[in-house]
Amino acid sequence: MKILLTNDDGIYAEGLWALHKKFTEQHSVTIVAPDRERSAAGHAITLHKPLRTARISFNKGCIGHAVNGTPADCIKLGILEILDSRPDIVISGINPGANVGINVNYSGTVAAAKEAALYGVPSIAVSIGSHEIDNYDDAALFAELLTKDVLEKGLPFGTFLNVNIPDLPLKKIEGVRICRHGTELYSEYIDKRVDPRNRTYYWQGCDLQSSVDDSDTDDVFLCRNYISITPIKCDMTDYSVLEKLKGWKINKKLE
């Protein structure tokens, strides 16, 4: 297989290296990743300054392409410029920290997979539900196993998989759950402060969810030590509301 790897934590991130180590055992792998951390960059792309790449040596001579842009920029450059031919699949991650619930909307990890799906390339976003991680290699192994299923069975155009894995050895994980992503808002706050020059500044923050309800969402299953897999579509149209809007007869306002 021809694999394109990226992330939003930067080319030196341990999770990216874990994927590279696993996939290079049997596959042709190219890394195109941000040159620095771009967490929560969402699906931003760079339009008003030039994109630059640098060949980076890591892990005893492995080569990657570091980009001064966003995760979505990396996918564009990888597919349109750096690779000689389209990859068979794109893997984005492994992100330290879960990308479940509403975080899917902000995540650069998820956005990279979404960008690949827009090009018609099968893709998977992979995250671990912890920030101090002991089991990158197990997560990378699961990502490789899932990749084989994706390439064998296929995904519809514009659909990718968002995968969240507990920070546990695979043998201690409860199982796999195919589920929807949650939409419940976290308890957010703005921390207002004053700097030494008496200027106001703000830190955004949120209280992490600690309770587990009975819903069938990605965040709930991850908290229960299951791997959650959610298929996500690039087409964000709400088709039920689309039909209702047609009944509003908005055209009559122009008469």
Protein backbone atom coordinates (compact mmCIF):
# COMPACT_ATOMS: atom_id res chain seq x y z
CA MET A 1 0.00 0.00 0.00
CA LYS A 2 1.01 3.61 -0.56
CA ILE A 3 0.36 5.47 2.69
CA LEU A 4 0.31 9.23 3.33
CA LEU A 5 0.73 10.14 7.00
CA THR A 6 0.02 13.50 8.61
CA ASN A 7 -1.12 14.99 11.92
CA ASP A 8 -1.78 18.30 13.67
CA ASP A 9 0.90 17.95 16.36
CA GLY A 10 3.86 18.50 14.09
CA ILE A 11 6.36 16.31 12.31
CA TYR A 12 8.30 15.49 15.49
CA ALA A 13 5.25 14.14 17.35
CA GLU A 14 5.61 10.69 18.89
CA GLY A 15 2.23 9.50 17.62
CA LEU A 16 3.20 10.19 14.01
CA TRP A 17 6.45 8.29 14.46
CA ALA A 18 4.58 5.32 15.90
CA LEU A 19 2.42 5.14 12.77
CA HIS A 20 5.49 5.48 10.56
CA LYS A 21 7.27 2.68 12.41
CA LYS A 22 4.32 0.30 12.05
CA PHE A 23 3.34 1.05 8.46
CA THR A 24 6.88 0.99 7.05
CA GLU A 25 7.14 -2.67 8.05
CA GLN A 26 5.05 -3.62 5.00
CA HIS A 27 4.09 -0.47 3.10
CA SER A 28 5.45 2.56 1.25
CA VAL A 29 5.01 5.54 3.55
CA THR A 30 5.32 9.29 3.02
CA ILE A 31 5.03 11.83 5.83
CA VAL A 32 3.76 15.32 5.07
CA ALA A 33 3.06 17.09 8.35
CA PRO A 34 3.09 20.57 9.90
CA ASP A 35 6.49 21.87 10.99
CA ARG A 36 5.03 22.75 14.40
CA GLU A 37 1.97 21.99 16.51
CA ARG A 38 -1.27 23.07 14.83
CA SER A 39 -3.78 21.56 17.25
CA ALA A 40 -7.36 22.87 16.96
CA ALA A 41 -6.56 24.42 13.58
CA GLY A 42 -9.74 22.88 12.22
CA HIS A 43 -10.05 22.81 8.44
CA ALA A 44 -8.14 26.05 7.88
CA ILE A 45 -6.01 26.41 4.76
CA THR A 46 -3.29 28.93 3.95
CA LEU A 47 -4.15 31.46 1.24
CA HIS A 48 -2.35 34.73 2.02
CA LYS A 49 1.23 33.60 2.47
CA PRO A 50 3.44 31.08 0.65
CA LEU A 51 3.64 27.50 1.74
CA ARG A 52 7.13 26.10 2.19
CA THR A 53 8.36 22.57 2.78
CA ALA A 54 11.56 21.21 4.28
CA ARG A 55 12.89 17.66 4.21
CA ILE A 56 13.34 16.51 7.79
CA SER A 57 15.39 13.54 8.96
CA PHE A 58 14.08 11.72 12.03
CA ASN A 59 14.15 8.30 13.65
CA LYS A 60 17.64 7.36 12.44
CA GLY A 61 17.44 8.56 8.86
CA CYS A 62 13.72 8.48 8.03
CA ILE A 63 12.68 11.42 5.86
CA GLY A 64 9.53 13.51 6.15
CA HIS A 65 8.23 16.72 4.61
CA ALA A 66 7.62 19.52 7.13
CA VAL A 67 5.12 22.18 6.00
CA ASN A 68 4.69 25.67 7.43
CA GLY A 69 0.92 25.33 7.16
CA THR A 70 -2.11 23.52 8.50
CA PRO A 71 -2.97 19.81 8.43
CA ALA A 72 -5.32 20.45 5.49
CA ASP A 73 -2.48 22.24 3.66
CA CYS A 74 -0.34 19.14 4.18
CA ILE A 75 -2.91 16.93 2.47
CA LYS A 76 -3.22 19.29 -0.48
CA LEU A 77 0.54 19.48 -0.94
CA GLY A 78 0.98 15.76 -0.44
CA ILE A 79 -1.63 14.74 -3.01
CA LEU A 80 -1.15 17.51 -5.56
CA GLU A 81 2.60 18.08 -5.43
CA ILE A 82 4.84 15.90 -3.28
CA LEU A 83 3.64 12.39 -4.11
CA ASP A 84 4.19 11.02 -7.61
CA SER A 85 0.77 9.33 -7.53
CA ARG A 86 -2.29 9.36 -5.30
CA PRO A 87 -1.96 7.48 -2.01
CA ASP A 88 -4.07 4.42 -1.36
CA ILE A 89 -5.05 5.85 2.02
CA VAL A 90 -4.34 8.77 4.36
CA ILE A 91 -3.85 8.26 8.10
CA SER A 92 -3.93 11.33 10.33
CA GLY A 93 -2.57 11.04 13.88
CA ILE A 94 -1.93 9.56 16.28
CA ASN A 95 -3.32 12.49 18.25
CA PRO A 96 -2.67 12.63 22.00
CA GLY A 97 -6.09 13.39 23.43
CA ALA A 98 -9.48 12.26 22.22
CA ASN A 99 -11.22 13.81 19.24
CA VAL A 100 -14.78 12.95 20.18
CA GLY A 101 -18.03 14.86 20.45
CA ILE A 102 -17.93 18.51 19.42
CA ASN A 103 -14.12 18.42 19.28
CA VAL A 104 -14.53 16.83 15.85
CA ASN A 105 -15.41 20.32 14.58
CA TYR A 106 -12.15 21.88 15.79
CA SER A 107 -9.61 19.13 15.35
CA GLY A 108 -6.81 19.51 12.82
CA THR A 109 -6.32 15.73 13.00
CA VAL A 110 -9.89 15.15 11.85
CA ALA A 111 -9.71 17.95 9.27
CA ALA A 112 -6.74 16.32 7.55
CA ALA A 113 -8.71 13.10 7.09
CA LYS A 114 -11.68 15.12 5.87
CA GLU A 115 -9.52 16.93 3.32
CA ALA A 116 -8.31 13.61 1.95
CA ALA A 117 -11.92 12.40 1.70
CA LEU A 118 -12.74 15.47 -0.38
CA TYR A 119 -10.12 14.25 -2.86
CA GLY A 120 -11.71 10.82 -2.91
CA VAL A 121 -8.87 9.21 -0.96
CA PRO A 122 -9.91 6.83 1.86
CA SER A 123 -8.80 8.25 5.19
CA ILE A 124 -8.74 7.64 8.92
CA ALA A 125 -8.22 10.06 11.81
CA VAL A 126 -6.70 8.32 14.84
CA SER A 127 -6.60 9.67 18.40
CA ILE A 128 -5.87 8.27 21.86
CA GLY A 129 -8.00 9.20 24.84
CA SER A 130 -5.11 10.40 26.98
CA HIS A 131 -2.40 13.08 26.96
CA GLU A 132 0.26 11.05 28.76
CA ILE A 133 0.40 8.02 26.51
CA ASP A 134 1.95 4.60 27.13
CA ASN A 135 0.45 2.63 24.23
CA TYR A 136 1.21 4.36 20.94
CA ASP A 137 2.45 1.10 19.41
CA ASP A 138 -0.82 -0.71 20.19
CA ALA A 139 -2.83 2.15 18.69
CA ALA A 140 -0.64 2.08 15.57
CA LEU A 141 -1.19 -1.68 15.25
CA PHE A 142 -4.96 -1.23 15.41
CA ALA A 143 -4.74 1.56 12.82
CA GLU A 144 -2.91 -0.79 10.45
CA LEU A 145 -5.47 -3.57 10.95
CA LEU A 146 -8.33 -1.14 10.31
CA THR A 147 -6.57 0.24 7.23
CA LYS A 148 -6.61 -3.21 5.66
CA ASP A 149 -10.38 -3.43 6.22
CA VAL A 150 -10.95 0.03 4.73
CA LEU A 151 -8.99 -0.78 1.59
CA GLU A 152 -10.69 -4.16 1.22
CA LYS A 153 -14.26 -2.99 1.77
CA GLY A 154 -13.99 0.68 0.72
CA LEU A 155 -15.65 3.89 1.89
CA PRO A 156 -18.11 6.08 -0.03
CA PHE A 157 -16.75 9.24 -1.62
CA GLY A 158 -16.55 12.00 0.97
CA THR A 159 -16.72 9.70 3.99
CA PHE A 160 -13.86 9.02 6.40
CA LEU A 161 -13.46 7.26 9.75
CA ASN A 162 -12.80 9.00 13.06
CA VAL A 163 -11.19 6.54 15.47
CA ASN A 164 -10.57 7.03 19.19
CA ILE A 165 -8.60 4.46 21.16
CA PRO A 166 -8.20 4.06 24.93
CA ASP A 167 -4.62 4.32 26.18
CA LEU A 168 -4.47 0.63 26.99
CA PRO A 169 -2.81 -2.47 25.54
CA LEU A 170 -5.13 -3.91 22.88
CA LYS A 171 -5.77 -7.04 24.97
CA LYS A 172 -7.18 -4.88 27.78
CA ILE A 173 -9.56 -2.87 25.59
CA GLU A 174 -13.22 -3.85 26.00
CA GLY A 175 -13.90 -4.01 22.27
CA VAL A 176 -14.86 -1.85 19.30
CA ARG A 177 -18.05 0.18 18.96
CA ILE A 178 -19.32 1.73 15.73
CA CYS A 179 -21.13 4.85 16.87
CA ARG A 180 -22.16 8.43 16.22
CA HIS A 181 -20.22 11.39 17.54
CA GLY A 182 -21.67 13.35 20.42
CA THR A 183 -23.00 16.89 20.14
CA GLU A 184 -23.32 17.79 23.81
CA LEU A 185 -21.55 21.04 24.67
CA TYR A 186 -18.82 20.98 27.28
CA SER A 187 -18.91 23.33 30.23
CA GLU A 188 -16.91 26.20 28.71
CA TYR A 189 -15.55 29.34 30.29
CA ILE A 190 -13.45 32.39 29.52
CA ASP A 191 -10.69 33.19 32.00
CA LYS A 192 -10.18 36.97 31.95
CA ARG A 193 -6.78 38.18 33.10
CA VAL A 194 -4.62 41.33 33.11
CA ASP A 195 -1.00 41.30 31.94
CA PRO A 196 1.90 43.25 33.59
CA ARG A 197 1.18 46.19 31.27
CA ASN A 198 -2.40 46.36 32.48
CA ARG A 199 -3.87 45.00 29.25
CA THR A 200 -6.73 42.52 29.35
CA TYR A 201 -6.33 39.11 27.78
CA TYR A 202 -8.36 35.88 27.79
CA TRP A 203 -7.83 32.14 27.99
CA GLN A 204 -10.52 29.85 26.65
CA GLY A 205 -11.12 26.70 28.62
CA CYS A 206 -13.57 23.92 29.38
CA ASP A 207 -14.23 21.36 32.07
CA LEU A 208 -13.60 17.87 30.75
CA GLN A 209 -16.54 15.52 30.95
CA SER A 210 -16.14 13.07 33.80
CA SER A 211 -19.59 11.47 33.90
CA VAL A 212 -20.72 8.75 31.50
CA ASP A 213 -24.35 8.68 30.41
CA ASP A 214 -26.26 5.99 28.53
CA SER A 215 -26.01 7.45 25.02
CA ASP A 216 -24.44 5.61 22.10
CA THR A 217 -21.81 8.26 21.33
CA ASP A 218 -18.07 8.15 20.77
CA ASP A 219 -17.18 9.94 24.00
CA VAL A 220 -19.29 7.56 26.09
CA PHE A 221 -17.81 4.41 24.59
CA LEU A 222 -14.27 5.76 24.87
CA CYS A 223 -14.83 6.45 28.58
CA ARG A 224 -15.89 2.81 28.91
CA ASN A 225 -12.57 1.68 27.38
CA TYR A 226 -13.96 0.79 23.97
CA ILE A 227 -12.44 1.85 20.68
CA SER A 228 -14.98 4.15 19.03
CA ILE A 229 -15.24 4.35 15.24
CA THR A 230 -17.47 6.98 13.67
CA PRO A 231 -18.04 7.37 9.92
CA ILE A 232 -18.18 11.08 9.11
CA LYS A 233 -19.44 12.67 5.88
CA CYS A 234 -18.08 15.78 4.22
CA ASP A 235 -21.60 16.58 2.96
CA MET A 236 -23.01 18.58 5.88
CA THR A 237 -26.45 19.17 4.35
CA ASP A 238 -29.37 18.56 6.71
CA TYR A 239 -31.66 16.83 4.24
CA SER A 240 -34.70 16.77 6.53
CA VAL A 241 -34.54 20.55 6.97
CA LEU A 242 -33.85 20.93 3.24
CA GLU A 243 -37.29 19.55 2.46
CA LYS A 244 -38.93 21.69 5.15
CA LEU A 245 -37.28 24.82 3.76
CA LYS A 246 -38.81 24.12 0.37
CA GLY A 247 -42.20 24.37 2.06
CA TRP A 248 -41.45 27.84 3.42
CA LYS A 249 -42.05 29.31 -0.07
CA ILE A 250 -39.27 31.85 0.43
CA ASN A 251 -39.43 32.77 -3.28
CA LYS A 252 -42.71 34.57 -2.65
CA LYS A 253 -40.78 37.21 -0.70
CA LEU A 254 -39.27 38.32 -4.01
CA GLU A 255 -42.64 38.80 -5.71
